[in-house]
Amino acid sequence: MATETMDKVKRGEISRDEQRALAANAFEVAVDAQGRVNIDRALREFAGLELNTRVAVAGSFDRVEIWNVDKYEDVVARGGAALKGP
């Protein structure tokens, strides 16, 4: 989505202000002495992450994703099934 949005800006289909509005839920965080980062409450709620529960941190080619473990296992299983085909 990020690449598509940036391409739309380059083609003049949307403005940089529209791009900024789409990306506005990004938050700058610092890594603490133990290597932890604080995830904003709104993003935790959106992702279904609850305090003191396990999460999956997954590399996805050009980004890092943080998932609710159960949801991550579901999407990986669906993706694997789709790759196998009928």
PDB file of N, CA and C in Angstrom:
ATOM      1  N   MET A   1       0.832  -1.187   0.000  1.00  0.00           N
ATOM      2  CA  MET A   1       0.000   0.000   0.000  1.00  0.00           C
ATOM      3  C   MET A   1       0.877   1.252   0.000  1.00  0.00           C
ATOM      4  N   ALA A   2       1.973   1.196   0.752  1.00  0.00           N
ATOM      5  CA  ALA A   2       2.852   2.369   0.812  1.00  0.00           C
ATOM      6  C   ALA A   2       3.427   2.678  -0.568  1.00  0.00           C
ATOM      7  N   THR A   3       3.900   1.656  -1.262  1.00  0.00           N
ATOM      8  CA  THR A   3       4.473   1.866  -2.596  1.00  0.00           C
ATOM      9  C   THR A   3       3.419   2.399  -3.552  1.00  0.00           C
ATOM     10  N   GLU A   4       2.246   1.807  -3.504  1.00  0.00           N
ATOM     11  CA  GLU A   4       1.157   2.261  -4.373  1.00  0.00           C
ATOM     12  C   GLU A   4       0.808   3.716  -4.086  1.00  0.00           C
ATOM     13  N   THR A   5       0.752   4.078  -2.821  1.00  0.00           N
ATOM     14  CA  THR A   5       0.426   5.453  -2.444  1.00  0.00           C
ATOM     15  C   THR A   5       1.502   6.413  -2.934  1.00  0.00           C
ATOM     16  N   MET A   6       2.768   6.054  -2.754  1.00  0.00           N
ATOM     17  CA  MET A   6       3.854   6.919  -3.222  1.00  0.00           C
ATOM     18  C   MET A   6       3.844   7.047  -4.744  1.00  0.00           C
ATOM     19  N   ASP A   7       3.504   5.966  -5.437  1.00  0.00           N
ATOM     20  CA  ASP A   7       3.395   6.030  -6.893  1.00  0.00           C
ATOM     21  C   ASP A   7       2.264   6.954  -7.315  1.00  0.00           C
ATOM     22  N   LYS A   8       1.146   6.931  -6.586  1.00  0.00           N
ATOM     23  CA  LYS A   8       0.025   7.819  -6.903  1.00  0.00           C
ATOM     24  C   LYS A   8       0.422   9.281  -6.729  1.00  0.00           C
ATOM     25  N   VAL A   9       1.248   9.573  -5.733  1.00  0.00           N
ATOM     26  CA  VAL A   9       1.735  10.939  -5.554  1.00  0.00           C
ATOM     27  C   VAL A   9       2.595  11.331  -6.745  1.00  0.00           C
ATOM     28  N   LYS A  10       3.494  10.451  -7.165  1.00  0.00           N
ATOM     29  CA  LYS A  10       4.372  10.744  -8.299  1.00  0.00           C
ATOM     30  C   LYS A  10       3.577  10.992  -9.573  1.00  0.00           C
ATOM     31  N   ARG A  11       2.464  10.261  -9.734  1.00  0.00           N
ATOM     32  CA  ARG A  11       1.632  10.428 -10.933  1.00  0.00           C
ATOM     33  C   ARG A  11       0.651  11.592 -10.796  1.00  0.00           C
ATOM     34  N   GLY A  12       0.615  12.230  -9.626  1.00  0.00           N
ATOM     35  CA  GLY A  12      -0.286  13.358  -9.416  1.00  0.00           C
ATOM     36  C   GLY A  12      -1.723  12.956  -9.131  1.00  0.00           C
ATOM     37  N   GLU A  13      -1.954  11.674  -8.809  1.00  0.00           N
ATOM     38  CA  GLU A  13      -3.307  11.194  -8.532  1.00  0.00           C
ATOM     39  C   GLU A  13      -3.781  11.587  -7.142  1.00  0.00           C
ATOM     40  N   ILE A  14      -2.851  11.706  -6.218  1.00  0.00           N
ATOM     41  CA  ILE A  14      -3.176  12.204  -4.878  1.00  0.00           C
ATOM     42  C   ILE A  14      -2.069  13.168  -4.457  1.00  0.00           C
ATOM     43  N   SER A  15      -2.381  14.021  -3.496  1.00  0.00           N
ATOM     44  CA  SER A  15      -1.403  15.007  -3.040  1.00  0.00           C
ATOM     45  C   SER A  15      -0.529  14.442  -1.931  1.00  0.00           C
ATOM     46  N   ARG A  16       0.563  15.135  -1.653  1.00  0.00           N
ATOM     47  CA  ARG A  16       1.411  14.739  -0.531  1.00  0.00           C
ATOM     48  C   ARG A  16       0.642  14.862   0.791  1.00  0.00           C
ATOM     49  N   ASP A  17      -0.262  15.826   0.883  1.00  0.00           N
ATOM     50  CA  ASP A  17      -1.074  15.944   2.101  1.00  0.00           C
ATOM     51  C   ASP A  17      -1.945  14.708   2.290  1.00  0.00           C
ATOM     52  N   GLU A  18      -2.494  14.187   1.197  1.00  0.00           N
ATOM     53  CA  GLU A  18      -3.281  12.956   1.292  1.00  0.00           C
ATOM     54  C   GLU A  18      -2.394  11.785   1.701  1.00  0.00           C
ATOM     55  N   GLN A  19      -1.182  11.737   1.154  1.00  0.00           N
ATOM     56  CA  GLN A  19      -0.237  10.693   1.544  1.00  0.00           C
ATOM     57  C   GLN A  19       0.063  10.792   3.038  1.00  0.00           C
ATOM     58  N   ARG A  20       0.297  12.012   3.518  1.00  0.00           N
ATOM     59  CA  ARG A  20       0.589  12.198   4.945  1.00  0.00           C
ATOM     60  C   ARG A  20      -0.583  11.755   5.814  1.00  0.00           C
ATOM     61  N   ALA A  21      -1.794  12.046   5.370  1.00  0.00           N
ATOM     62  CA  ALA A  21      -2.975  11.653   6.143  1.00  0.00           C
ATOM     63  C   ALA A  21      -3.080  10.132   6.241  1.00  0.00           C
ATOM     64  N   LEU A  22      -2.752   9.431   5.149  1.00  0.00           N
ATOM     65  CA  LEU A  22      -2.792   7.972   5.172  1.00  0.00           C
ATOM     66  C   LEU A  22      -1.736   7.390   6.105  1.00  0.00           C
ATOM     67  N   ALA A  23      -0.592   8.062   6.198  1.00  0.00           N
ATOM     68  CA  ALA A  23       0.508   7.564   7.022  1.00  0.00           C
ATOM     69  C   ALA A  23       0.489   8.133   8.441  1.00  0.00           C
ATOM     70  N   ALA A  24      -0.533   8.879   8.783  1.00  0.00           N
ATOM     71  CA  ALA A  24      -0.541   9.603  10.055  1.00  0.00           C
ATOM     72  C   ALA A  24      -0.579   8.706  11.279  1.00  0.00           C
ATOM     73  N   ASN A  25      -0.876   7.434  11.134  1.00  0.00           N
ATOM     74  CA  ASN A  25      -0.902   6.572  12.307  1.00  0.00           C
ATOM     75  C   ASN A  25       0.450   5.915  12.558  1.00  0.00           C
ATOM     76  N   ALA A  26       1.518   6.518  12.036  1.00  0.00           N
ATOM     77  CA  ALA A  26       2.869   6.071  12.337  1.00  0.00           C
ATOM     78  C   ALA A  26       3.338   6.795  13.592  1.00  0.00           C
ATOM     79  N   PHE A  27       4.070   6.085  14.434  1.00  0.00           N
ATOM     80  CA  PHE A  27       4.542   6.657  15.687  1.00  0.00           C
ATOM     81  C   PHE A  27       6.032   6.423  15.828  1.00  0.00           C
ATOM     82  N   GLU A  28       6.749   7.461  16.222  1.00  0.00           N
ATOM     83  CA  GLU A  28       8.165   7.303  16.498  1.00  0.00           C
ATOM     84  C   GLU A  28       8.319   6.762  17.910  1.00  0.00           C
ATOM     85  N   VAL A  29       9.150   5.749  18.061  1.00  0.00           N
ATOM     86  CA  VAL A  29       9.391   5.148  19.376  1.00  0.00           C
ATOM     87  C   VAL A  29      10.886   4.964  19.568  1.00  0.00           C
ATOM     88  N   ALA A  30      11.283   4.790  20.808  1.00  0.00           N
ATOM     89  CA  ALA A  30      12.679   4.530  21.132  1.00  0.00           C
ATOM     90  C   ALA A  30      12.802   3.105  21.669  1.00  0.00           C
ATOM     91  N   VAL A  31      13.925   2.496  21.400  1.00  0.00           N
ATOM     92  CA  VAL A  31      14.217   1.171  21.945  1.00  0.00           C
ATOM     93  C   VAL A  31      14.805   1.388  23.332  1.00  0.00           C
ATOM     94  N   ASP A  32      14.262   0.690  24.351  1.00  0.00           N
ATOM     95  CA  ASP A  32      14.782   0.870  25.705  1.00  0.00           C
ATOM     96  C   ASP A  32      16.023   0.015  25.931  1.00  0.00           C
ATOM     97  N   ALA A  33      16.600   0.090  27.118  1.00  0.00           N
ATOM     98  CA  ALA A  33      17.853  -0.601  27.432  1.00  0.00           C
ATOM     99  C   ALA A  33      17.736  -2.115  27.306  1.00  0.00           C
ATOM    100  N   GLN A  34      16.521  -2.650  27.395  1.00  0.00           N
ATOM    101  CA  GLN A  34      16.311  -4.093  27.270  1.00  0.00           C
ATOM    102  C   GLN A  34      15.896  -4.498  25.855  1.00  0.00           C
ATOM    103  N   GLY A  35      15.936  -3.555  24.922  1.00  0.00           N
ATOM    104  CA  GLY A  35      15.608  -3.864  23.531  1.00  0.00           C
ATOM    105  C   GLY A  35      14.121  -3.843  23.218  1.00  0.00           C
ATOM    106  N   ARG A  36      13.329  -3.237  24.092  1.00  0.00           N
ATOM    107  CA  ARG A  36      11.873  -3.217  23.889  1.00  0.00           C
ATOM    108  C   ARG A  36      11.437  -1.895  23.274  1.00  0.00           C
ATOM    109  N   VAL A  37      10.312  -1.948  22.561  1.00  0.00           N
ATOM    110  CA  VAL A  37       9.677  -0.736  22.050  1.00  0.00           C
ATOM    111  C   VAL A  37       8.251  -0.700  22.557  1.00  0.00           C
ATOM    112  N   ASN A  38       7.765   0.492  22.783  1.00  0.00           N
ATOM    113  CA  ASN A  38       6.383   0.674  23.213  1.00  0.00           C
ATOM    114  C   ASN A  38       5.521   0.872  21.967  1.00  0.00           C
ATOM    115  N   ILE A  39       4.464   0.083  21.838  1.00  0.00           N
ATOM    116  CA  ILE A  39       3.546   0.212  20.702  1.00  0.00           C
ATOM    117  C   ILE A  39       2.346   1.023  21.175  1.00  0.00           C
ATOM    118  N   ASP A  40       2.045   2.089  20.456  1.00  0.00           N
ATOM    119  CA  ASP A  40       0.941   2.971  20.819  1.00  0.00           C
ATOM    120  C   ASP A  40      -0.364   2.187  21.006  1.00  0.00           C
ATOM    121  N   ARG A  41      -1.152   2.614  21.952  1.00  0.00           N
ATOM    122  CA  ARG A  41      -2.401   1.929  22.285  1.00  0.00           C
ATOM    123  C   ARG A  41      -3.301   1.759  21.065  1.00  0.00           C
ATOM    124  N   ALA A  42      -3.450   2.804  20.261  1.00  0.00           N
ATOM    125  CA  ALA A  42      -4.334   2.722  19.091  1.00  0.00           C
ATOM    126  C   ALA A  42      -3.859   1.633  18.120  1.00  0.00           C
ATOM    127  N   LEU A  43      -2.555   1.530  17.928  1.00  0.00           N
ATOM    128  CA  LEU A  43      -2.032   0.490  17.040  1.00  0.00           C
ATOM    129  C   LEU A  43      -2.183  -0.890  17.656  1.00  0.00           C
ATOM    130  N   ARG A  44      -1.996  -1.009  18.979  1.00  0.00           N
ATOM    131  CA  ARG A  44      -2.210  -2.303  19.644  1.00  0.00           C
ATOM    132  C   ARG A  44      -3.653  -2.749  19.478  1.00  0.00           C
ATOM    133  N   GLU A  45      -4.589  -1.821  19.674  1.00  0.00           N
ATOM    134  CA  GLU A  45      -6.008  -2.169  19.527  1.00  0.00           C
ATOM    135  C   GLU A  45      -6.310  -2.594  18.093  1.00  0.00           C
ATOM    136  N   PHE A  46      -5.785  -1.856  17.126  1.00  0.00           N
ATOM    137  CA  PHE A  46      -6.026  -2.177  15.720  1.00  0.00           C
ATOM    138  C   PHE A  46      -5.516  -3.573  15.387  1.00  0.00           C
ATOM    139  N   ALA A  47      -4.345  -3.927  15.933  1.00  0.00           N
ATOM    140  CA  ALA A  47      -3.725  -5.212  15.623  1.00  0.00           C
ATOM    141  C   ALA A  47      -4.198  -6.348  16.522  1.00  0.00           C
ATOM    142  N   GLY A  48      -5.019  -6.036  17.518  1.00  0.00           N
ATOM    143  CA  GLY A  48      -5.492  -7.074  18.428  1.00  0.00           C
ATOM    144  C   GLY A  48      -4.410  -7.557  19.378  1.00  0.00           C
ATOM    145  N   LEU A  49      -3.499  -6.661  19.737  1.00  0.00           N
ATOM    146  CA  LEU A  49      -2.418  -7.006  20.665  1.00  0.00           C
ATOM    147  C   LEU A  49      -2.834  -6.600  22.068  1.00  0.00           C
ATOM    148  N   GLU A  50      -2.755  -7.541  22.984  1.00  0.00           N
ATOM    149  CA  GLU A  50      -3.103  -7.244  24.373  1.00  0.00           C
ATOM    150  C   GLU A  50      -1.834  -7.213  25.206  1.00  0.00           C
ATOM    151  N   LEU A  51      -1.856  -6.422  26.273  1.00  0.00           N
ATOM    152  CA  LEU A  51      -0.689  -6.331  27.137  1.00  0.00           C
ATOM    153  C   LEU A  51      -0.350  -7.682  27.743  1.00  0.00           C
ATOM    154  N   ASN A  52       0.929  -7.934  27.906  1.00  0.00           N
ATOM    155  CA  ASN A  52       1.441  -9.148  28.544  1.00  0.00           C
ATOM    156  C   ASN A  52       1.081 -10.434  27.807  1.00  0.00           C
ATOM    157  N   THR A  53       0.898 -10.352  26.472  1.00  0.00           N
ATOM    158  CA  THR A  53       0.679 -11.555  25.682  1.00  0.00           C
ATOM    159  C   THR A  53       1.782 -11.666  24.640  1.00  0.00           C
ATOM    160  N   ARG A  54       1.970 -12.876  24.133  1.00  0.00           N
ATOM    161  CA  ARG A  54       2.988 -13.092  23.111  1.00  0.00           C
ATOM    162  C   ARG A  54       2.562 -12.477  21.783  1.00  0.00           C
ATOM    163  N   VAL A  55       3.541 -11.983  21.047  1.00  0.00           N
ATOM    164  CA  VAL A  55       3.301 -11.467  19.703  1.00  0.00           C
ATOM    165  C   VAL A  55       4.299 -12.128  18.760  1.00  0.00           C
ATOM    166  N   ALA A  56       3.991 -12.092  17.488  1.00  0.00           N
ATOM    167  CA  ALA A  56       4.918 -12.561  16.462  1.00  0.00           C
ATOM    168  C   ALA A  56       5.514 -11.340  15.781  1.00  0.00           C
ATOM    169  N   VAL A  57       6.834 -11.283  15.690  1.00  0.00           N
ATOM    170  CA  VAL A  57       7.524 -10.236  14.949  1.00  0.00           C
ATOM    171  C   VAL A  57       8.054 -10.912  13.689  1.00  0.00           C
ATOM    172  N   ALA A  58       7.499 -10.512  12.547  1.00  0.00           N
ATOM    173  CA  ALA A  58       7.780 -11.221  11.302  1.00  0.00           C
ATOM    174  C   ALA A  58       8.388 -10.293  10.261  1.00  0.00           C
ATOM    175  N   GLY A  59       9.458 -10.750   9.620  1.00  0.00           N
ATOM    176  CA  GLY A  59       9.995 -10.032   8.480  1.00  0.00           C
ATOM    177  C   GLY A  59       9.143 -10.349   7.267  1.00  0.00           C
ATOM    178  N   SER A  60       8.825  -9.335   6.484  1.00  0.00           N
ATOM    179  CA  SER A  60       7.995  -9.536   5.298  1.00  0.00           C
ATOM    180  C   SER A  60       8.609  -8.757   4.129  1.00  0.00           C
ATOM    181  N   PHE A  61       9.762  -9.224   3.670  1.00  0.00           N
ATOM    182  CA  PHE A  61      10.545  -8.625   2.587  1.00  0.00           C
ATOM    183  C   PHE A  61      10.958  -7.188   2.878  1.00  0.00           C
ATOM    184  N   ASP A  62      10.038  -6.224   2.730  1.00  0.00           N
ATOM    185  CA  ASP A  62      10.427  -4.822   2.866  1.00  0.00           C
ATOM    186  C   ASP A  62       9.906  -4.167   4.140  1.00  0.00           C
ATOM    187  N   ARG A  63       9.465  -4.972   5.104  1.00  0.00           N
ATOM    188  CA  ARG A  63       8.951  -4.394   6.349  1.00  0.00           C
ATOM    189  C   ARG A  63       9.005  -5.437   7.452  1.00  0.00           C
ATOM    190  N   VAL A  64       8.829  -4.965   8.661  1.00  0.00           N
ATOM    191  CA  VAL A  64       8.692  -5.835   9.824  1.00  0.00           C
ATOM    192  C   VAL A  64       7.261  -5.676  10.315  1.00  0.00           C
ATOM    193  N   GLU A  65       6.592  -6.783  10.597  1.00  0.00           N
ATOM    194  CA  GLU A  65       5.210  -6.754  11.069  1.00  0.00           C
ATOM    195  C   GLU A  65       5.141  -7.334  12.474  1.00  0.00           C
ATOM    196  N   ILE A  66       4.272  -6.766  13.284  1.00  0.00           N
ATOM    197  CA  ILE A  66       4.030  -7.268  14.634  1.00  0.00           C
ATOM    198  C   ILE A  66       2.589  -7.745  14.678  1.00  0.00           C
ATOM    199  N   TRP A  67       2.409  -9.023  15.017  1.00  0.00           N
ATOM    200  CA  TRP A  67       1.106  -9.664  14.931  1.00  0.00           C
ATOM    201  C   TRP A  67       0.684 -10.276  16.259  1.00  0.00           C
ATOM    202  N   ASN A  68      -0.615 -10.358  16.457  1.00  0.00           N
ATOM    203  CA  ASN A  68      -1.193 -11.263  17.445  1.00  0.00           C
ATOM    204  C   ASN A  68      -0.820 -12.659  16.952  1.00  0.00           C
ATOM    205  N   VAL A  69      -0.241 -13.500  17.820  1.00  0.00           N
ATOM    206  CA  VAL A  69       0.275 -14.805  17.398  1.00  0.00           C
ATOM    207  C   VAL A  69      -0.805 -15.651  16.713  1.00  0.00           C
ATOM    208  N   ASP A  70      -1.997 -15.711  17.277  1.00  0.00           N
ATOM    209  CA  ASP A  70      -3.059 -16.531  16.686  1.00  0.00           C
ATOM    210  C   ASP A  70      -3.439 -16.031  15.296  1.00  0.00           C
ATOM    211  N   LYS A  71      -3.565 -14.717  15.137  1.00  0.00           N
ATOM    212  CA  LYS A  71      -3.912 -14.162  13.824  1.00  0.00           C
ATOM    213  C   LYS A  71      -2.805 -14.428  12.816  1.00  0.00           C
ATOM    214  N   TYR A  72      -1.560 -14.306  13.258  1.00  0.00           N
ATOM    215  CA  TYR A  72      -0.432 -14.546  12.362  1.00  0.00           C
ATOM    216  C   TYR A  72      -0.427 -15.989  11.872  1.00  0.00           C
ATOM    217  N   GLU A  73      -0.621 -16.924  12.780  1.00  0.00           N
ATOM    218  CA  GLU A  73      -0.651 -18.333  12.382  1.00  0.00           C
ATOM    219  C   GLU A  73      -1.765 -18.589  11.376  1.00  0.00           C
ATOM    220  N   ASP A  74      -2.915 -17.934  11.558  1.00  0.00           N
ATOM    221  CA  ASP A  74      -4.029 -18.089  10.614  1.00  0.00           C
ATOM    222  C   ASP A  74      -3.674 -17.559   9.225  1.00  0.00           C
ATOM    223  N   VAL A  75      -3.076 -16.349   9.149  1.00  0.00           N
ATOM    224  CA  VAL A  75      -2.783 -15.787   7.826  1.00  0.00           C
ATOM    225  C   VAL A  75      -1.678 -16.565   7.133  1.00  0.00           C
ATOM    226  N   VAL A  76      -0.710 -17.073   7.892  1.00  0.00           N
ATOM    227  CA  VAL A  76       0.347 -17.882   7.283  1.00  0.00           C
ATOM    228  C   VAL A  76      -0.231 -19.191   6.756  1.00  0.00           C
ATOM    229  N   ALA A  77      -1.130 -19.811   7.512  1.00  0.00           N
ATOM    230  CA  ALA A  77      -1.762 -21.052   7.054  1.00  0.00           C
ATOM    231  C   ALA A  77      -2.580 -20.805   5.785  1.00  0.00           C
ATOM    232  N   ARG A  78      -3.355 -19.712   5.755  1.00  0.00           N
ATOM    233  CA  ARG A  78      -4.135 -19.388   4.548  1.00  0.00           C
ATOM    234  C   ARG A  78      -3.226 -19.134   3.359  1.00  0.00           C
ATOM    235  N   GLY A  79      -2.138 -18.389   3.585  1.00  0.00           N
ATOM    236  CA  GLY A  79      -1.203 -18.106   2.501  1.00  0.00           C
ATOM    237  C   GLY A  79      -0.537 -19.374   2.000  1.00  0.00           C
ATOM    238  N   GLY A  80      -0.162 -20.253   2.927  1.00  0.00           N
ATOM    239  CA  GLY A  80       0.445 -21.523   2.533  1.00  0.00           C
ATOM    240  C   GLY A  80      -0.501 -22.374   1.715  1.00  0.00           C
ATOM    241  N   ALA A  81      -1.767 -22.408   2.138  1.00  0.00           N
ATOM    242  CA  ALA A  81      -2.776 -23.180   1.391  1.00  0.00           C
ATOM    243  C   ALA A  81      -2.970 -22.599  -0.007  1.00  0.00           C
ATOM    244  N   ALA A  82      -2.976 -21.272  -0.113  1.00  0.00           N
ATOM    245  CA  ALA A  82      -3.153 -20.630  -1.421  1.00  0.00           C
ATOM    246  C   ALA A  82      -1.967 -20.945  -2.334  1.00  0.00           C
ATOM    247  N   LEU A  83      -0.759 -20.984  -1.766  1.00  0.00           N
ATOM    248  CA  LEU A  83       0.414 -21.303  -2.582  1.00  0.00           C
ATOM    249  C   LEU A  83       0.379 -22.741  -3.095  1.00  0.00           C
ATOM    250  N   LYS A  84      -0.166 -23.646  -2.301  1.00  0.00           N
ATOM    251  CA  LYS A  84      -0.258 -25.054  -2.724  1.00  0.00           C
ATOM    252  C   LYS A  84      -1.239 -25.229  -3.864  1.00  0.00           C
ATOM    253  N   GLY A  85      -2.268 -24.377  -3.876  1.00  0.00           N
ATOM    254  CA  GLY A  85      -3.285 -24.460  -4.914  1.00  0.00           C
ATOM    255  C   GLY A  85      -4.320 -25.526  -4.606  1.00  0.00           C
ATOM    256  N   PRO A  86      -5.268 -25.690  -5.540  1.00  0.00           N
ATOM    257  CA  PRO A  86      -6.371 -26.660  -5.309  1.00  0.00           C
ATOM    258  C   PRO A  86      -5.917 -28.097  -5.331  1.00  0.00           C
TER     259      PRO A  86
END
